[in-house]
Structure formats: C-alpha cells, structure tokens
Amino acid sequence: MTYPNAIRIHHYNNVTWGPIHYYTSAVTGNRLIFRANEIERIAFNPLGGAYIHTVEGGIFAVQTASPEYIA
C-alpha cells in the first residue's frame, strides 16, 4: 500500500507497478491508495462500505467497494 503525506509517498512493499486505486477510509476519512496488484479481494460490509484485503494481509475499511478514481 502507498500512503501519501505532504512530503512524499511512502511505499510499504516492493510492489510498485500497476494502476493506482484511490479509496476513502471509512474510519478516518483519509484517502487510501492501493496498487491494483496489492489488492487480494474486496469484501462487502453488510452495514455499508467494504473491506479491502491486501496480499500482505492488511484489512482496510473503506466507504465504497469501487474505487473513487483510478490513475
């Protein structure tokens, strides 16, 4: 996963290719950025929103199951 801040974009793994998918966190409201090949699956939340499961084992609650923007 990549996480942007005011200074730079942090990469938490060595996967740096593929389209970028932008989501909004359901917890903090911040923008989450994933490379397409980092997403293992997307599970719908019965109460609304979805969970993104990454290949590294991370689970992130997001507001929508589809990305807001793909670059």
PDB file of N, CA and C in Angstrom:
ATOM      1  N   MET A   1       0.841  -1.174   0.000  1.00  0.00           N
ATOM      2  CA  MET A   1       0.000   0.000   0.000  1.00  0.00           C
ATOM      3  C   MET A   1       0.882   1.232   0.000  1.00  0.00           C
ATOM      4  N   THR A   2       0.424   2.247  -0.617  1.00  0.00           N
ATOM      5  CA  THR A   2       1.134   3.520  -0.583  1.00  0.00           C
ATOM      6  C   THR A   2       0.326   4.505   0.246  1.00  0.00           C
ATOM      7  N   TYR A   3       1.008   5.371   0.918  1.00  0.00           N
ATOM      8  CA  TYR A   3       0.337   6.352   1.763  1.00  0.00           C
ATOM      9  C   TYR A   3       0.967   7.715   1.530  1.00  0.00           C
ATOM     10  N   PRO A   4       0.240   8.644   0.948  1.00  0.00           N
ATOM     11  CA  PRO A   4       0.838   9.960   0.679  1.00  0.00           C
ATOM     12  C   PRO A   4       0.773  10.869   1.900  1.00  0.00           C
ATOM     13  N   ASN A   5       1.762  11.706   2.042  1.00  0.00           N
ATOM     14  CA  ASN A   5       1.679  12.799   3.004  1.00  0.00           C
ATOM     15  C   ASN A   5       2.171  14.054   2.310  1.00  0.00           C
ATOM     16  N   ALA A   6       2.356  15.114   3.030  1.00  0.00           N
ATOM     17  CA  ALA A   6       2.710  16.387   2.407  1.00  0.00           C
ATOM     18  C   ALA A   6       4.104  16.362   1.788  1.00  0.00           C
ATOM     19  N   ILE A   7       4.959  15.453   2.239  1.00  0.00           N
ATOM     20  CA  ILE A   7       6.343  15.448   1.785  1.00  0.00           C
ATOM     21  C   ILE A   7       6.573  14.449   0.656  1.00  0.00           C
ATOM     22  N   ARG A   8       6.068  13.241   0.799  1.00  0.00           N
ATOM     23  CA  ARG A   8       6.342  12.194  -0.190  1.00  0.00           C
ATOM     24  C   ARG A   8       5.295  11.092  -0.085  1.00  0.00           C
ATOM     25  N   ILE A   9       5.415  10.115  -0.955  1.00  0.00           N
ATOM     26  CA  ILE A   9       4.538   8.948  -0.914  1.00  0.00           C
ATOM     27  C   ILE A   9       5.344   7.783  -0.365  1.00  0.00           C
ATOM     28  N   HIS A  10       4.832   7.140   0.666  1.00  0.00           N
ATOM     29  CA  HIS A  10       5.513   6.010   1.295  1.00  0.00           C
ATOM     30  C   HIS A  10       5.027   4.716   0.659  1.00  0.00           C
ATOM     31  N   HIS A  11       5.938   3.828   0.339  1.00  0.00           N
ATOM     32  CA  HIS A  11       5.586   2.508  -0.166  1.00  0.00           C
ATOM     33  C   HIS A  11       5.882   1.491   0.931  1.00  0.00           C
ATOM     34  N   TYR A  12       4.885   0.702   1.312  1.00  0.00           N
ATOM     35  CA  TYR A  12       5.063  -0.271   2.373  1.00  0.00           C
ATOM     36  C   TYR A  12       5.463  -1.642   1.846  1.00  0.00           C
ATOM     37  N   ASN A  13       5.587  -1.798   0.555  1.00  0.00           N
ATOM     38  CA  ASN A  13       6.077  -3.048  -0.008  1.00  0.00           C
ATOM     39  C   ASN A  13       6.879  -2.741  -1.258  1.00  0.00           C
ATOM     40  N   ASN A  14       7.357  -3.779  -1.902  1.00  0.00           N
ATOM     41  CA  ASN A  14       8.173  -3.593  -3.098  1.00  0.00           C
ATOM     42  C   ASN A  14       7.357  -3.644  -4.375  1.00  0.00           C
ATOM     43  N   VAL A  15       6.049  -3.714  -4.270  1.00  0.00           N
ATOM     44  CA  VAL A  15       5.184  -3.769  -5.437  1.00  0.00           C
ATOM     45  C   VAL A  15       4.906  -2.336  -5.877  1.00  0.00           C
ATOM     46  N   THR A  16       5.457  -1.928  -6.990  1.00  0.00           N
ATOM     47  CA  THR A  16       5.324  -0.533  -7.393  1.00  0.00           C
ATOM     48  C   THR A  16       4.825  -0.394  -8.823  1.00  0.00           C
ATOM     49  N   TRP A  17       4.147  -1.387  -9.358  1.00  0.00           N
ATOM     50  CA  TRP A  17       3.635  -1.267 -10.715  1.00  0.00           C
ATOM     51  C   TRP A  17       2.137  -1.533 -10.707  1.00  0.00           C
ATOM     52  N   GLY A  18       1.491  -1.114 -11.743  1.00  0.00           N
ATOM     53  CA  GLY A  18       0.051  -1.296 -11.873  1.00  0.00           C
ATOM     54  C   GLY A  18      -0.690   0.000 -11.635  1.00  0.00           C
ATOM     55  N   PRO A  19      -1.951   0.036 -12.082  1.00  0.00           N
ATOM     56  CA  PRO A  19      -2.754   1.243 -11.875  1.00  0.00           C
ATOM     57  C   PRO A  19      -2.973   1.530 -10.389  1.00  0.00           C
ATOM     58  N   ILE A  20      -3.178   2.788 -10.072  1.00  0.00           N
ATOM     59  CA  ILE A  20      -3.399   3.206  -8.683  1.00  0.00           C
ATOM     60  C   ILE A  20      -4.896   3.374  -8.454  1.00  0.00           C
ATOM     61  N   HIS A  21      -5.396   2.770  -7.380  1.00  0.00           N
ATOM     62  CA  HIS A  21      -6.804   2.862  -6.998  1.00  0.00           C
ATOM     63  C   HIS A  21      -6.917   3.717  -5.746  1.00  0.00           C
ATOM     64  N   TYR A  22      -7.778   4.721  -5.800  1.00  0.00           N
ATOM     65  CA  TYR A  22      -7.986   5.632  -4.675  1.00  0.00           C
ATOM     66  C   TYR A  22      -9.291   5.283  -3.970  1.00  0.00           C
ATOM     67  N   TYR A  23      -9.229   5.106  -2.658  1.00  0.00           N
ATOM     68  CA  TYR A  23     -10.400   4.848  -1.824  1.00  0.00           C
ATOM     69  C   TYR A  23     -10.405   5.846  -0.670  1.00  0.00           C
ATOM     70  N   THR A  24     -11.552   5.988  -0.011  1.00  0.00           N
ATOM     71  CA  THR A  24     -11.647   6.804   1.193  1.00  0.00           C
ATOM     72  C   THR A  24     -11.860   5.881   2.378  1.00  0.00           C
ATOM     73  N   SER A  25     -11.060   6.060   3.412  1.00  0.00           N
ATOM     74  CA  SER A  25     -11.150   5.233   4.612  1.00  0.00           C
ATOM     75  C   SER A  25     -12.475   5.468   5.318  1.00  0.00           C
ATOM     76  N   ALA A  26     -13.125   4.396   5.723  1.00  0.00           N
ATOM     77  CA  ALA A  26     -14.368   4.504   6.480  1.00  0.00           C
ATOM     78  C   ALA A  26     -14.097   4.882   7.930  1.00  0.00           C
ATOM     79  N   VAL A  27     -12.880   4.721   8.383  1.00  0.00           N
ATOM     80  CA  VAL A  27     -12.531   5.005   9.770  1.00  0.00           C
ATOM     81  C   VAL A  27     -12.077   6.448   9.945  1.00  0.00           C
ATOM     82  N   THR A  28     -11.127   6.882   9.124  1.00  0.00           N
ATOM     83  CA  THR A  28     -10.542   8.210   9.317  1.00  0.00           C
ATOM     84  C   THR A  28     -11.010   9.243   8.302  1.00  0.00           C
ATOM     85  N   GLY A  29     -11.533   8.795   7.163  1.00  0.00           N
ATOM     86  CA  GLY A  29     -11.912   9.718   6.109  1.00  0.00           C
ATOM     87  C   GLY A  29     -10.750  10.122   5.221  1.00  0.00           C
ATOM     88  N   ASN A  30      -9.545   9.631   5.521  1.00  0.00           N
ATOM     89  CA  ASN A  30      -8.374   9.934   4.705  1.00  0.00           C
ATOM     90  C   ASN A  30      -8.390   9.110   3.429  1.00  0.00           C
ATOM     91  N   ARG A  31      -7.650   9.560   2.447  1.00  0.00           N
ATOM     92  CA  ARG A  31      -7.548   8.842   1.183  1.00  0.00           C
ATOM     93  C   ARG A  31      -6.546   7.704   1.331  1.00  0.00           C
ATOM     94  N   LEU A  32      -6.936   6.526   0.881  1.00  0.00           N
ATOM     95  CA  LEU A  32      -6.063   5.356   0.843  1.00  0.00           C
ATOM     96  C   LEU A  32      -5.738   5.059  -0.616  1.00  0.00           C
ATOM     97  N   ILE A  33      -4.497   4.739  -0.879  1.00  0.00           N
ATOM     98  CA  ILE A  33      -4.053   4.481  -2.239  1.00  0.00           C
ATOM     99  C   ILE A  33      -3.494   3.069  -2.301  1.00  0.00           C
ATOM    100  N   PHE A  34      -4.004   2.280  -3.242  1.00  0.00           N
ATOM    101  CA  PHE A  34      -3.530   0.920  -3.443  1.00  0.00           C
ATOM    102  C   PHE A  34      -3.135   0.734  -4.895  1.00  0.00           C
ATOM    103  N   ARG A  35      -2.091  -0.028  -5.132  1.00  0.00           N
ATOM    104  CA  ARG A  35      -1.806  -0.503  -6.479  1.00  0.00           C
ATOM    105  C   ARG A  35      -2.763  -1.662  -6.748  1.00  0.00           C
ATOM    106  N   ALA A  36      -3.139  -1.824  -8.002  1.00  0.00           N
ATOM    107  CA  ALA A  36      -4.103  -2.864  -8.354  1.00  0.00           C
ATOM    108  C   ALA A  36      -3.608  -4.252  -7.961  1.00  0.00           C
ATOM    109  N   ASN A  37      -2.317  -4.494  -8.080  1.00  0.00           N
ATOM    110  CA  ASN A  37      -1.792  -5.813  -7.752  1.00  0.00           C
ATOM    111  C   ASN A  37      -1.566  -6.016  -6.257  1.00  0.00           C
ATOM    112  N   GLU A  38      -1.840  -5.017  -5.434  1.00  0.00           N
ATOM    113  CA  GLU A  38      -1.758  -5.162  -3.976  1.00  0.00           C
ATOM    114  C   GLU A  38      -3.078  -5.650  -3.387  1.00  0.00           C
ATOM    115  N   ILE A  39      -4.171  -5.502  -4.124  1.00  0.00           N
ATOM    116  CA  ILE A  39      -5.494  -5.866  -3.614  1.00  0.00           C
ATOM    117  C   ILE A  39      -5.748  -7.340  -3.886  1.00  0.00           C
ATOM    118  N   GLU A  40      -5.941  -8.096  -2.811  1.00  0.00           N
ATOM    119  CA  GLU A  40      -6.244  -9.522  -2.953  1.00  0.00           C
ATOM    120  C   GLU A  40      -7.721  -9.728  -3.231  1.00  0.00           C
ATOM    121  N   ARG A  41      -8.558  -9.072  -2.427  1.00  0.00           N
ATOM    122  CA  ARG A  41     -10.003  -9.154  -2.641  1.00  0.00           C
ATOM    123  C   ARG A  41     -10.685  -8.000  -1.926  1.00  0.00           C
ATOM    124  N   ILE A  42     -11.939  -7.773  -2.320  1.00  0.00           N
ATOM    125  CA  ILE A  42     -12.762  -6.751  -1.694  1.00  0.00           C
ATOM    126  C   ILE A  42     -14.021  -7.431  -1.175  1.00  0.00           C
ATOM    127  N   ALA A  43     -14.259  -7.314   0.128  1.00  0.00           N
ATOM    128  CA  ALA A  43     -15.424  -7.931   0.762  1.00  0.00           C
ATOM    129  C   ALA A  43     -16.402  -6.839   1.159  1.00  0.00           C
ATOM    130  N   PHE A  44     -17.671  -7.050   0.828  1.00  0.00           N
ATOM    131  CA  PHE A  44     -18.703  -6.079   1.179  1.00  0.00           C
ATOM    132  C   PHE A  44     -19.001  -6.142   2.666  1.00  0.00           C
ATOM    133  N   ASN A  45     -19.206  -4.988   3.256  1.00  0.00           N
ATOM    134  CA  ASN A  45     -19.611  -4.885   4.651  1.00  0.00           C
ATOM    135  C   ASN A  45     -21.136  -4.836   4.669  1.00  0.00           C
ATOM    136  N   PRO A  46     -21.811  -5.721   5.417  1.00  0.00           N
ATOM    137  CA  PRO A  46     -23.269  -5.711   5.437  1.00  0.00           C
ATOM    138  C   PRO A  46     -23.873  -4.395   5.937  1.00  0.00           C
ATOM    139  N   LEU A  47     -23.110  -3.623   6.695  1.00  0.00           N
ATOM    140  CA  LEU A  47     -23.608  -2.357   7.227  1.00  0.00           C
ATOM    141  C   LEU A  47     -23.286  -1.174   6.326  1.00  0.00           C
ATOM    142  N   GLY A  48     -22.684  -1.444   5.183  1.00  0.00           N
ATOM    143  CA  GLY A  48     -22.301  -0.390   4.245  1.00  0.00           C
ATOM    144  C   GLY A  48     -20.803  -0.312   4.082  1.00  0.00           C
ATOM    145  N   GLY A  49     -20.384   0.025   2.892  1.00  0.00           N
ATOM    146  CA  GLY A  49     -18.955   0.106   2.621  1.00  0.00           C
ATOM    147  C   GLY A  49     -18.381  -1.258   2.277  1.00  0.00           C
ATOM    148  N   ALA A  50     -17.078  -1.391   2.453  1.00  0.00           N
ATOM    149  CA  ALA A  50     -16.403  -2.632   2.103  1.00  0.00           C
ATOM    150  C   ALA A  50     -15.088  -2.727   2.870  1.00  0.00           C
ATOM    151  N   TYR A  51     -14.483  -3.912   2.778  1.00  0.00           N
ATOM    152  CA  TYR A  51     -13.163  -4.146   3.344  1.00  0.00           C
ATOM    153  C   TYR A  51     -12.229  -4.552   2.223  1.00  0.00           C
ATOM    154  N   ILE A  52     -11.064  -3.916   2.174  1.00  0.00           N
ATOM    155  CA  ILE A  52     -10.056  -4.285   1.195  1.00  0.00           C
ATOM    156  C   ILE A  52      -9.038  -5.176   1.899  1.00  0.00           C
ATOM    157  N   HIS A  53      -8.836  -6.360   1.342  1.00  0.00           N
ATOM    158  CA  HIS A  53      -7.840  -7.297   1.848  1.00  0.00           C
ATOM    159  C   HIS A  53      -6.641  -7.233   0.900  1.00  0.00           C
ATOM    160  N   THR A  54      -5.465  -6.969   1.447  1.00  0.00           N
ATOM    161  CA  THR A  54      -4.273  -6.850   0.611  1.00  0.00           C
ATOM    162  C   THR A  54      -3.495  -8.164   0.617  1.00  0.00           C
ATOM    163  N   VAL A  55      -2.604  -8.311  -0.340  1.00  0.00           N
ATOM    164  CA  VAL A  55      -1.791  -9.513  -0.433  1.00  0.00           C
ATOM    165  C   VAL A  55      -0.839  -9.642   0.754  1.00  0.00           C
ATOM    166  N   GLU A  56      -0.573  -8.556   1.450  1.00  0.00           N
ATOM    167  CA  GLU A  56       0.303  -8.584   2.622  1.00  0.00           C
ATOM    168  C   GLU A  56      -0.442  -8.934   3.898  1.00  0.00           C
ATOM    169  N   GLY A  57      -1.759  -9.116   3.819  1.00  0.00           N
ATOM    170  CA  GLY A  57      -2.544  -9.482   4.981  1.00  0.00           C
ATOM    171  C   GLY A  57      -3.256  -8.330   5.662  1.00  0.00           C
ATOM    172  N   GLY A  58      -3.151  -7.133   5.154  1.00  0.00           N
ATOM    173  CA  GLY A  58      -3.830  -5.981   5.745  1.00  0.00           C
ATOM    174  C   GLY A  58      -5.295  -5.940   5.361  1.00  0.00           C
ATOM    175  N   ILE A  59      -6.112  -5.430   6.270  1.00  0.00           N
ATOM    176  CA  ILE A  59      -7.545  -5.268   6.022  1.00  0.00           C
ATOM    177  C   ILE A  59      -7.889  -3.812   6.315  1.00  0.00           C
ATOM    178  N   PHE A  60      -8.512  -3.146   5.333  1.00  0.00           N
ATOM    179  CA  PHE A  60      -8.823  -1.733   5.451  1.00  0.00           C
ATOM    180  C   PHE A  60     -10.299  -1.513   5.180  1.00  0.00           C
ATOM    181  N   ALA A  61     -10.980  -0.811   6.083  1.00  0.00           N
ATOM    182  CA  ALA A  61     -12.394  -0.466   5.899  1.00  0.00           C
ATOM    183  C   ALA A  61     -12.466   0.773   5.015  1.00  0.00           C
ATOM    184  N   VAL A  62     -13.234   0.681   3.928  1.00  0.00           N
ATOM    185  CA  VAL A  62     -13.393   1.799   3.005  1.00  0.00           C
ATOM    186  C   VAL A  62     -14.870   2.109   2.825  1.00  0.00           C
ATOM    187  N   GLN A  63     -15.160   3.301   2.312  1.00  0.00           N
ATOM    188  CA  GLN A  63     -16.549   3.743   2.200  1.00  0.00           C
ATOM    189  C   GLN A  63     -17.301   3.077   1.069  1.00  0.00           C
ATOM    190  N   THR A  64     -16.623   2.746  -0.035  1.00  0.00           N
ATOM    191  CA  THR A  64     -17.288   2.118  -1.167  1.00  0.00           C
ATOM    192  C   THR A  64     -16.456   0.942  -1.658  1.00  0.00           C
ATOM    193  N   ALA A  65     -17.115  -0.025  -2.314  1.00  0.00           N
ATOM    194  CA  ALA A  65     -16.412  -1.196  -2.826  1.00  0.00           C
ATOM    195  C   ALA A  65     -15.661  -0.884  -4.118  1.00  0.00           C
ATOM    196  N   SER A  66     -16.097   0.136  -4.835  1.00  0.00           N
ATOM    197  CA  SER A  66     -15.398   0.503  -6.067  1.00  0.00           C
ATOM    198  C   SER A  66     -14.531   1.731  -5.795  1.00  0.00           C
ATOM    199  N   PRO A  67     -13.395   1.811  -6.470  1.00  0.00           N
ATOM    200  CA  PRO A  67     -12.513   2.963  -6.219  1.00  0.00           C
ATOM    201  C   PRO A  67     -13.140   4.266  -6.688  1.00  0.00           C
ATOM    202  N   GLU A  68     -12.794   5.341  -6.006  1.00  0.00           N
ATOM    203  CA  GLU A  68     -13.268   6.667  -6.405  1.00  0.00           C
ATOM    204  C   GLU A  68     -12.611   7.116  -7.706  1.00  0.00           C
ATOM    205  N   TYR A  69     -11.363   6.703  -7.870  1.00  0.00           N
ATOM    206  CA  TYR A  69     -10.586   7.173  -9.008  1.00  0.00           C
ATOM    207  C   TYR A  69      -9.506   6.135  -9.294  1.00  0.00           C
ATOM    208  N   ILE A  70      -9.220   5.906 -10.574  1.00  0.00           N
ATOM    209  CA  ILE A  70      -8.135   5.017 -10.983  1.00  0.00           C
ATOM    210  C   ILE A  70      -7.206   5.797 -11.883  1.00  0.00           C
ATOM    211  N   ALA A  71      -5.936   5.795 -11.540  1.00  0.00           N
ATOM    212  CA  ALA A  71      -4.942   6.527 -12.337  1.00  0.00           C
ATOM    213  C   ALA A  71      -3.903   5.568 -12.870  1.00  0.00           C
TER     214      ALA A  71
END
